[in-house]
PDB file of all heavy atoms in Angstrom:
ATOM      1  N   ASP A   1     -42.898  43.418-157.274  1.00  0.00           N
ATOM      2  CA  ASP A   1     -42.640  42.372-158.272  1.00  0.00           C
ATOM      3  C   ASP A   1     -42.665  42.877-159.702  1.00  0.00           C
ATOM      4  O   ASP A   1     -42.587  42.094-160.654  1.00  0.00           O
ATOM      5  CB  ASP A   1     -43.682  41.238-158.120  1.00  0.00           C
ATOM      6  CG  ASP A   1     -45.114  41.716-158.242  1.00  0.00           C
ATOM      7  OD1 ASP A   1     -45.343  42.945-158.135  1.00  0.00           O
ATOM      8  OD2 ASP A   1     -46.016  40.908-158.455  1.00  0.00           O
ATOM      9  N   LEU A   2     -42.715  44.195-159.896  1.00  0.00           N
ATOM     10  CA  LEU A   2     -42.661  44.784-161.224  1.00  0.00           C
ATOM     11  C   LEU A   2     -41.311  45.423-161.465  1.00  0.00           C
ATOM     12  O   LEU A   2     -40.614  45.816-160.545  1.00  0.00           O
ATOM     13  CB  LEU A   2     -43.732  45.869-161.376  1.00  0.00           C
ATOM     14  CG  LEU A   2     -45.208  45.446-161.326  1.00  0.00           C
ATOM     15  CD1 LEU A   2     -46.111  46.676-161.509  1.00  0.00           C
ATOM     16  CD2 LEU A   2     -45.521  44.398-162.373  1.00  0.00           C
ATOM     17  N   THR A   3     -40.938  45.508-162.744  1.00  0.00           N
ATOM     18  CA  THR A   3     -39.781  46.318-163.089  1.00  0.00           C
ATOM     19  C   THR A   3     -40.202  47.784-163.073  1.00  0.00           C
ATOM     20  O   THR A   3     -41.402  48.107-163.082  1.00  0.00           O
ATOM     21  CB  THR A   3     -39.235  45.959-164.484  1.00  0.00           C
ATOM     22  OG1 THR A   3     -40.255  46.274-165.458  1.00  0.00           O
ATOM     23  CG2 THR A   3     -38.853  44.493-164.582  1.00  0.00           C
ATOM     24  N   VAL A   4     -39.213  48.677-163.052  1.00  0.00           N
ATOM     25  CA  VAL A   4     -39.496  50.111-163.124  1.00  0.00           C
ATOM     26  C   VAL A   4     -40.292  50.407-164.405  1.00  0.00           C
ATOM     27  O   VAL A   4     -41.277  51.160-164.378  1.00  0.00           O
ATOM     28  CB  VAL A   4     -38.202  50.927-163.079  1.00  0.00           C
ATOM     29  CG1 VAL A   4     -38.493  52.392-163.385  1.00  0.00           C
ATOM     30  CG2 VAL A   4     -37.532  50.788-161.715  1.00  0.00           C
ATOM     31  N   LYS A   5     -39.892  49.800-165.511  1.00  0.00           N
ATOM     32  CA  LYS A   5     -40.595  50.024-166.791  1.00  0.00           C
ATOM     33  C   LYS A   5     -42.055  49.583-166.697  1.00  0.00           C
ATOM     34  O   LYS A   5     -42.963  50.282-167.123  1.00  0.00           O
ATOM     35  CB  LYS A   5     -39.900  49.278-167.905  1.00  0.00           C
ATOM     36  CG  LYS A   5     -40.557  49.464-169.280  1.00  0.00           C
ATOM     37  CD  LYS A   5     -39.851  48.678-170.386  1.00  0.00           C
ATOM     38  CE  LYS A   5     -40.510  48.947-171.741  1.00  0.00           C
ATOM     39  NZ  LYS A   5     -41.950  48.620-171.768  1.00  0.00           N
ATOM     40  N   SER A   6     -42.282  48.392-166.114  1.00  0.00           N
ATOM     41  CA  SER A   6     -43.652  47.886-165.987  1.00  0.00           C
ATOM     42  C   SER A   6     -44.484  48.789-165.093  1.00  0.00           C
ATOM     43  O   SER A   6     -45.667  49.025-165.331  1.00  0.00           O
ATOM     44  CB  SER A   6     -43.647  46.462-165.443  1.00  0.00           C
ATOM     45  OG  SER A   6     -42.989  45.592-166.331  1.00  0.00           O
ATOM     46  N   MET A   7     -43.854  49.306-164.024  1.00  0.00           N
ATOM     47  CA  MET A   7     -44.584  50.213-163.117  1.00  0.00           C
ATOM     48  C   MET A   7     -44.969  51.498-163.838  1.00  0.00           C
ATOM     49  O   MET A   7     -46.094  51.995-163.699  1.00  0.00           O
ATOM     50  CB  MET A   7     -43.671  50.513-161.921  1.00  0.00           C
ATOM     51  CG  MET A   7     -44.312  51.323-160.811  1.00  0.00           C
ATOM     52  SD  MET A   7     -45.536  50.390-159.858  1.00  0.00           S
ATOM     53  CE  MET A   7     -46.976  51.420-160.100  1.00  0.00           C
ATOM     54  N   LEU A   8     -44.053  52.001-164.656  1.00  0.00           N
ATOM     55  CA  LEU A   8     -44.342  53.223-165.401  1.00  0.00           C
ATOM     56  C   LEU A   8     -45.383  52.966-166.495  1.00  0.00           C
ATOM     57  O   LEU A   8     -46.264  53.807-166.735  1.00  0.00           O
ATOM     58  CB  LEU A   8     -43.062  53.778-166.018  1.00  0.00           C
ATOM     59  CG  LEU A   8     -42.036  54.343-165.009  1.00  0.00           C
ATOM     60  CD1 LEU A   8     -40.720  54.649-165.704  1.00  0.00           C
ATOM     61  CD2 LEU A   8     -42.582  55.580-164.328  1.00  0.00           C
ATOM     62  N   ASP A   9     -45.282  51.809-167.148  1.00  0.00           N
ATOM     63  CA  ASP A   9     -46.292  51.443-168.169  1.00  0.00           C
ATOM     64  C   ASP A   9     -47.676  51.372-167.539  1.00  0.00           C
ATOM     65  O   ASP A   9     -48.661  51.885-168.111  1.00  0.00           O
ATOM     66  CB  ASP A   9     -45.959  50.103-168.805  1.00  0.00           C
ATOM     67  CG  ASP A   9     -44.736  50.160-169.714  1.00  0.00           C
ATOM     68  OD1 ASP A   9     -44.369  51.264-170.133  1.00  0.00           O
ATOM     69  OD2 ASP A   9     -44.181  49.067-170.007  1.00  0.00           O
ATOM     70  N   TYR A  10     -47.737  50.751-166.376  1.00  0.00           N
ATOM     71  CA  TYR A  10     -49.039  50.592-165.691  1.00  0.00           C
ATOM     72  C   TYR A  10     -49.614  51.949-165.332  1.00  0.00           C
ATOM     73  O   TYR A  10     -50.794  52.225-165.538  1.00  0.00           O
ATOM     74  CB  TYR A  10     -48.807  49.739-164.448  1.00  0.00           C
ATOM     75  CG  TYR A  10     -50.034  49.503-163.600  1.00  0.00           C
ATOM     76  CD1 TYR A  10     -51.209  48.991-164.153  1.00  0.00           C
ATOM     77  CD2 TYR A  10     -50.042  49.788-162.239  1.00  0.00           C
ATOM     78  CE1 TYR A  10     -52.333  48.767-163.368  1.00  0.00           C
ATOM     79  CE2 TYR A  10     -51.161  49.589-161.445  1.00  0.00           C
ATOM     80  CZ  TYR A  10     -52.309  49.083-162.024  1.00  0.00           C
ATOM     81  OH  TYR A  10     -53.420  48.871-161.253  1.00  0.00           O
ATOM     82  N   HIS A  11     -48.758  52.823-164.799  1.00  0.00           N
ATOM     83  CA  HIS A  11     -49.214  54.155-164.406  1.00  0.00           C
ATOM     84  C   HIS A  11     -49.641  54.959-165.642  1.00  0.00           C
ATOM     85  O   HIS A  11     -50.657  55.679-165.606  1.00  0.00           O
ATOM     86  CB  HIS A  11     -48.093  54.886-163.660  1.00  0.00           C
ATOM     87  CG  HIS A  11     -48.509  56.142-162.996  1.00  0.00           C
ATOM     88  ND1 HIS A  11     -49.233  56.179-161.820  1.00  0.00           N
ATOM     89  CD2 HIS A  11     -48.347  57.457-163.362  1.00  0.00           C
ATOM     90  CE1 HIS A  11     -49.468  57.440-161.480  1.00  0.00           C
ATOM     91  NE2 HIS A  11     -48.961  58.227-162.382  1.00  0.00           N
ATOM     92  N   GLU A  12     -48.898  54.832-166.707  1.00  0.00           N
ATOM     93  CA  GLU A  12     -49.222  55.559-167.925  1.00  0.00           C
ATOM     94  C   GLU A  12     -50.588  55.157-168.491  1.00  0.00           C
ATOM     95  O   GLU A  12     -51.291  55.983-169.089  1.00  0.00           O
ATOM     96  CB  GLU A  12     -48.141  55.283-168.978  1.00  0.00           C
ATOM     97  CG  GLU A  12     -48.172  56.171-170.178  1.00  0.00           C
ATOM     98  CD  GLU A  12     -46.980  55.938-171.115  1.00  0.00           C
ATOM     99  OE1 GLU A  12     -45.868  55.700-170.607  1.00  0.00           O
ATOM    100  OE2 GLU A  12     -47.186  56.017-172.337  1.00  0.00           O
ATOM    101  N   SER A  13     -50.977  53.924-168.256  1.00  0.00           N
ATOM    102  CA  SER A  13     -52.265  53.419-168.764  1.00  0.00           C
ATOM    103  C   SER A  13     -53.460  54.068-168.076  1.00  0.00           C
ATOM    104  O   SER A  13     -54.575  53.951-168.573  1.00  0.00           O
ATOM    105  CB  SER A  13     -52.335  51.902-168.597  1.00  0.00           C
ATOM    106  OG  SER A  13     -52.477  51.522-167.231  1.00  0.00           O
ATOM    107  N   PHE A  14     -53.249  54.732-166.953  1.00  0.00           N
ATOM    108  CA  PHE A  14     -54.369  55.379-166.240  1.00  0.00           C
ATOM    109  C   PHE A  14     -54.903  56.598-166.994  1.00  0.00           C
ATOM    110  O   PHE A  14     -56.022  57.018-166.760  1.00  0.00           O
ATOM    111  CB  PHE A  14     -53.919  55.879-164.855  1.00  0.00           C
ATOM    112  CG  PHE A  14     -53.468  54.787-163.912  1.00  0.00           C
ATOM    113  CD1 PHE A  14     -52.718  55.128-162.801  1.00  0.00           C
ATOM    114  CD2 PHE A  14     -53.795  53.471-164.130  1.00  0.00           C
ATOM    115  CE1 PHE A  14     -52.309  54.138-161.897  1.00  0.00           C
ATOM    116  CE2 PHE A  14     -53.394  52.488-163.243  1.00  0.00           C
ATOM    117  CZ  PHE A  14     -52.632  52.803-162.129  1.00  0.00           C
ATOM    118  N   TYR A  15     -54.107  57.169-167.886  1.00  0.00           N
ATOM    119  CA  TYR A  15     -54.449  58.460-168.482  1.00  0.00           C
ATOM    120  C   TYR A  15     -54.793  58.335-169.953  1.00  0.00           C
ATOM    121  O   TYR A  15     -54.161  57.579-170.692  1.00  0.00           O
ATOM    122  CB  TYR A  15     -53.280  59.440-168.301  1.00  0.00           C
ATOM    123  CG  TYR A  15     -52.911  59.619-166.842  1.00  0.00           C
ATOM    124  CD1 TYR A  15     -51.852  58.910-166.280  1.00  0.00           C
ATOM    125  CD2 TYR A  15     -53.639  60.476-166.030  1.00  0.00           C
ATOM    126  CE1 TYR A  15     -51.532  59.066-164.938  1.00  0.00           C
ATOM    127  CE2 TYR A  15     -53.328  60.638-164.689  1.00  0.00           C
ATOM    128  CZ  TYR A  15     -52.261  59.922-164.153  1.00  0.00           C
ATOM    129  OH  TYR A  15     -51.961  60.055-162.815  1.00  0.00           O
ATOM    130  N   LYS A  16     -55.783  59.110-170.370  1.00  0.00           N
ATOM    131  CA  LYS A  16     -56.171  59.140-171.781  1.00  0.00           C
ATOM    132  C   LYS A  16     -55.156  59.915-172.607  1.00  0.00           C
ATOM    133  O   LYS A  16     -54.930  59.611-173.785  1.00  0.00           O
ATOM    134  CB  LYS A  16     -57.555  59.768-171.924  1.00  0.00           C
ATOM    135  CG  LYS A  16     -58.675  58.944-171.304  1.00  0.00           C
ATOM    136  CD  LYS A  16     -60.028  59.635-171.450  1.00  0.00           C
ATOM    137  CE  LYS A  16     -61.135  58.811-170.784  1.00  0.00           C
ATOM    138  NZ  LYS A  16     -62.447  59.478-170.887  1.00  0.00           N
ATOM    139  N   LYS A  17     -54.520  60.910-172.006  1.00  0.00           N
ATOM    140  CA  LYS A  17     -53.522  61.715-172.714  1.00  0.00           C
ATOM    141  C   LYS A  17     -52.248  60.932-172.896  1.00  0.00           C
ATOM    142  O   LYS A  17     -51.944  59.986-172.135  1.00  0.00           O
ATOM    143  CB  LYS A  17     -53.251  63.016-171.968  1.00  0.00           C
ATOM    144  CG  LYS A  17     -52.587  62.814-170.613  1.00  0.00           C
ATOM    145  CD  LYS A  17     -52.396  64.130-169.866  1.00  0.00           C
ATOM    146  CE  LYS A  17     -51.430  65.030-170.538  1.00  0.00           C
ATOM    147  NZ  LYS A  17     -51.151  66.262-169.746  1.00  0.00           N
ATOM    148  N   ASP A  18     -51.458  61.287-173.861  1.00  0.00           N
ATOM    149  CA  ASP A  18     -50.192  60.611-174.129  1.00  0.00           C
ATOM    150  C   ASP A  18     -49.139  61.180-173.189  1.00  0.00           C
ATOM    151  O   ASP A  18     -48.717  62.338-173.290  1.00  0.00           O
ATOM    152  CB  ASP A  18     -49.787  60.857-175.593  1.00  0.00           C
ATOM    153  CG  ASP A  18     -48.538  60.073-175.976  1.00  0.00           C
ATOM    154  OD1 ASP A  18     -47.961  59.385-175.106  1.00  0.00           O
ATOM    155  OD2 ASP A  18     -48.122  60.154-177.155  1.00  0.00           O
ATOM    156  N   CYS A  19     -48.672  60.336-172.248  1.00  0.00           N
ATOM    157  CA  CYS A  19     -47.702  60.774-171.243  1.00  0.00           C
ATOM    158  C   CYS A  19     -46.282  60.294-171.586  1.00  0.00           C
ATOM    159  O   CYS A  19     -45.345  60.578-170.842  1.00  0.00           O
ATOM    160  CB  CYS A  19     -48.060  60.199-169.874  1.00  0.00           C
ATOM    161  SG  CYS A  19     -49.718  60.552-169.310  1.00  0.00           S
ATOM    162  N   HIS A  20     -46.139  59.567-172.687  1.00  0.00           N
ATOM    163  CA  HIS A  20     -44.887  58.848-172.900  1.00  0.00           C
ATOM    164  C   HIS A  20     -43.695  59.777-173.116  1.00  0.00           C
ATOM    165  O   HIS A  20     -42.608  59.532-172.592  1.00  0.00           O
ATOM    166  CB  HIS A  20     -45.026  57.884-174.088  1.00  0.00           C
ATOM    167  CG  HIS A  20     -43.933  56.859-174.140  1.00  0.00           C
ATOM    168  ND1 HIS A  20     -43.879  55.797-173.264  1.00  0.00           N
ATOM    169  CD2 HIS A  20     -42.814  56.783-174.915  1.00  0.00           C
ATOM    170  CE1 HIS A  20     -42.804  55.065-173.504  1.00  0.00           C
ATOM    171  NE2 HIS A  20     -42.130  55.646-174.524  1.00  0.00           N
ATOM    172  N   LYS A  21     -43.907  60.850-173.882  1.00  0.00           N
ATOM    173  CA  LYS A  21     -42.795  61.766-174.151  1.00  0.00           C
ATOM    174  C   LYS A  21     -42.292  62.392-172.848  1.00  0.00           C
ATOM    175  O   LYS A  21     -41.092  62.440-172.594  1.00  0.00           O
ATOM    176  CB  LYS A  21     -43.245  62.860-175.126  1.00  0.00           C
ATOM    177  CG  LYS A  21     -42.134  63.838-175.447  1.00  0.00           C
ATOM    178  CD  LYS A  21     -42.636  64.945-176.389  1.00  0.00           C
ATOM    179  CE  LYS A  21     -41.525  65.948-176.660  1.00  0.00           C
ATOM    180  NZ  LYS A  21     -41.984  67.054-177.545  1.00  0.00           N
ATOM    181  N   ARG A  22     -43.222  62.870-172.009  1.00  0.00           N
ATOM    182  CA  ARG A  22     -42.821  63.480-170.744  1.00  0.00           C
ATOM    183  C   ARG A  22     -42.182  62.447-169.834  1.00  0.00           C
ATOM    184  O   ARG A  22     -41.203  62.768-169.160  1.00  0.00           O
ATOM    185  CB  ARG A  22     -44.034  64.115-170.056  1.00  0.00           C
ATOM    186  CG  ARG A  22     -43.724  64.849-168.771  1.00  0.00           C
ATOM    187  CD  ARG A  22     -42.684  65.911-168.973  1.00  0.00           C
ATOM    188  NE  ARG A  22     -42.475  66.728-167.775  1.00  0.00           N
ATOM    189  CZ  ARG A  22     -41.373  67.436-167.547  1.00  0.00           C
ATOM    190  NH1 ARG A  22     -40.374  67.425-168.436  1.00  0.00           N
ATOM    191  NH2 ARG A  22     -41.259  68.150-166.447  1.00  0.00           N
ATOM    192  N   ARG A  23     -42.721  61.254-169.803  1.00  0.00           N
ATOM    193  CA  ARG A  23     -42.147  60.173-169.000  1.00  0.00           C
ATOM    194  C   ARG A  23     -40.693  59.931-169.419  1.00  0.00           C
ATOM    195  O   ARG A  23     -39.787  59.822-168.549  1.00  0.00           O
ATOM    196  CB  ARG A  23     -42.955  58.913-169.197  1.00  0.00           C
ATOM    197  CG  ARG A  23     -42.235  57.619-168.773  1.00  0.00           C
ATOM    198  CD  ARG A  23     -43.033  56.411-169.165  1.00  0.00           C
ATOM    199  NE  ARG A  23     -42.240  55.198-169.174  1.00  0.00           N
ATOM    200  CZ  ARG A  23     -42.707  53.968-169.426  1.00  0.00           C
ATOM    201  NH1 ARG A  23     -44.014  53.815-169.673  1.00  0.00           N
ATOM    202  NH2 ARG A  23     -41.918  52.922-169.434  1.00  0.00           N
ATOM    203  N   LYS A  24     -40.418  59.855-170.699  1.00  0.00           N
ATOM    204  CA  LYS A  24     -39.079  59.606-171.192  1.00  0.00           C
ATOM    205  C   LYS A  24     -38.101  60.708-170.795  1.00  0.00           C
ATOM    206  O   LYS A  24     -36.987  60.461-170.356  1.00  0.00           O
ATOM    207  CB  LYS A  24     -39.105  59.458-172.708  1.00  0.00           C
ATOM    208  CG  LYS A  24     -37.767  59.036-173.316  1.00  0.00           C
ATOM    209  CD  LYS A  24     -37.886  58.828-174.812  1.00  0.00           C
ATOM    210  CE  LYS A  24     -36.523  58.421-175.435  1.00  0.00           C
ATOM    211  NZ  LYS A  24     -36.622  58.247-176.889  1.00  0.00           N
ATOM    212  N   GLU A  25     -38.601  61.978-170.882  1.00  0.00           N
ATOM    213  CA  GLU A  25     -37.775  63.126-170.483  1.00  0.00           C
ATOM    214  C   GLU A  25     -37.384  63.038-169.001  1.00  0.00           C
ATOM    215  O   GLU A  25     -36.237  63.276-168.644  1.00  0.00           O
ATOM    216  CB  GLU A  25     -38.523  64.408-170.722  1.00  0.00           C
ATOM    217  CG  GLU A  25     -38.732  64.765-172.201  1.00  0.00           C
ATOM    218  CD  GLU A  25     -39.674  65.949-172.377  1.00  0.00           C
ATOM    219  OE1 GLU A  25     -40.263  66.416-171.391  1.00  0.00           O
ATOM    220  OE2 GLU A  25     -39.807  66.405-173.521  1.00  0.00           O
ATOM    221  N   LEU A  26     -38.340  62.680-168.180  1.00  0.00           N
ATOM    222  CA  LEU A  26     -38.105  62.609-166.728  1.00  0.00           C
ATOM    223  C   LEU A  26     -37.157  61.467-166.391  1.00  0.00           C
ATOM    224  O   LEU A  26     -36.257  61.644-165.534  1.00  0.00           O
ATOM    225  CB  LEU A  26     -39.438  62.434-166.009  1.00  0.00           C
ATOM    226  CG  LEU A  26     -40.366  63.655-166.021  1.00  0.00           C
ATOM    227  CD1 LEU A  26     -41.784  63.258-165.630  1.00  0.00           C
ATOM    228  CD2 LEU A  26     -39.852  64.749-165.094  1.00  0.00           C
ATOM    229  N   VAL A  27     -37.331  60.317-167.009  1.00  0.00           N
ATOM    230  CA  VAL A  27     -36.468  59.162-166.774  1.00  0.00           C
ATOM    231  C   VAL A  27     -35.017  59.518-167.097  1.00  0.00           C
ATOM    232  O   VAL A  27     -34.077  59.190-166.359  1.00  0.00           O
ATOM    233  CB  VAL A  27     -36.939  57.932-167.556  1.00  0.00           C
ATOM    234  CG1 VAL A  27     -35.854  56.832-167.579  1.00  0.00           C
ATOM    235  CG2 VAL A  27     -38.234  57.392-166.983  1.00  0.00           C
ATOM    236  N   GLU A  28     -34.815  60.213-168.217  1.00  0.00           N
ATOM    237  CA  GLU A  28     -33.467  60.595-168.627  1.00  0.00           C
ATOM    238  C   GLU A  28     -32.893  61.656-167.695  1.00  0.00           C
ATOM    239  O   GLU A  28     -31.709  61.571-167.288  1.00  0.00           O
ATOM    240  CB  GLU A  28     -33.488  61.130-170.066  1.00  0.00           C
ATOM    241  CG  GLU A  28     -33.761  60.020-171.094  1.00  0.00           C
ATOM    242  CD  GLU A  28     -33.860  60.584-172.525  1.00  0.00           C
ATOM    243  OE1 GLU A  28     -33.756  61.824-172.693  1.00  0.00           O
ATOM    244  OE2 GLU A  28     -34.046  59.776-173.435  1.00  0.00           O
ATOM    245  N   LYS A  29     -33.697  62.636-167.314  1.00  0.00           N
ATOM    246  CA  LYS A  29     -33.227  63.731-166.448  1.00  0.00           C
ATOM    247  C   LYS A  29     -32.814  63.191-165.080  1.00  0.00           C
ATOM    248  O   LYS A  29     -31.817  63.624-164.489  1.00  0.00           O
ATOM    249  CB  LYS A  29     -34.316  64.765-166.297  1.00  0.00           C
ATOM    250  CG  LYS A  29     -33.893  66.036-165.578  1.00  0.00           C
ATOM    251  CD  LYS A  29     -35.046  67.020-165.447  1.00  0.00           C
ATOM    252  CE  LYS A  29     -35.402  67.644-166.750  1.00  0.00           C
ATOM    253  NZ  LYS A  29     -34.461  68.708-167.182  1.00  0.00           N
ATOM    254  N   LEU A  30     -33.591  62.233-164.569  1.00  0.00           N
ATOM    255  CA  LEU A  30     -33.352  61.689-163.220  1.00  0.00           C
ATOM    256  C   LEU A  30     -32.418  60.474-163.235  1.00  0.00           C
ATOM    257  O   LEU A  30     -32.112  59.917-162.166  1.00  0.00           O
ATOM    258  CB  LEU A  30     -34.665  61.346-162.544  1.00  0.00           C
ATOM    259  CG  LEU A  30     -35.595  62.514-162.266  1.00  0.00           C
ATOM    260  CD1 LEU A  30     -36.984  62.030-161.870  1.00  0.00           C
ATOM    261  CD2 LEU A  30     -35.005  63.427-161.190  1.00  0.00           C
ATOM    262  N   LYS A  31     -31.998  60.057-164.439  1.00  0.00           N
ATOM    263  CA  LYS A  31     -31.100  58.911-164.571  1.00  0.00           C
ATOM    264  C   LYS A  31     -31.659  57.672-163.888  1.00  0.00           C
ATOM    265  O   LYS A  31     -30.986  57.032-163.054  1.00  0.00           O
ATOM    266  CB  LYS A  31     -29.704  59.230-164.054  1.00  0.00           C
ATOM    267  CG  LYS A  31     -29.007  60.356-164.816  1.00  0.00           C
ATOM    268  CD  LYS A  31     -27.622  60.647-164.250  1.00  0.00           C
ATOM    269  CE  LYS A  31     -26.819  61.596-165.132  1.00  0.00           C
ATOM    270  NZ  LYS A  31     -27.499  62.872-165.420  1.00  0.00           N
ATOM    271  N   LEU A  32     -32.893  57.335-164.246  1.00  0.00           N
ATOM    272  CA  LEU A  32     -33.591  56.184-163.655  1.00  0.00           C
ATOM    273  C   LEU A  32     -33.461  54.972-164.553  1.00  0.00           C
ATOM    274  O   LEU A  32     -33.758  55.023-165.745  1.00  0.00           O
ATOM    275  CB  LEU A  32     -35.075  56.546-163.439  1.00  0.00           C
ATOM    276  CG  LEU A  32     -35.960  55.548-162.736  1.00  0.00           C
ATOM    277  CD1 LEU A  32     -35.475  55.306-161.307  1.00  0.00           C
ATOM    278  CD2 LEU A  32     -37.406  56.051-162.711  1.00  0.00           C
TER     279      LEU A  32
END
């Protein structure tokens, strides 16, 4: 019941480190 963005946002919230830049690179590379 989540969008892909919401799922990624939720997962990103698990970590204290900033994952957003790497997440964006992967989304673009995999054409998600």
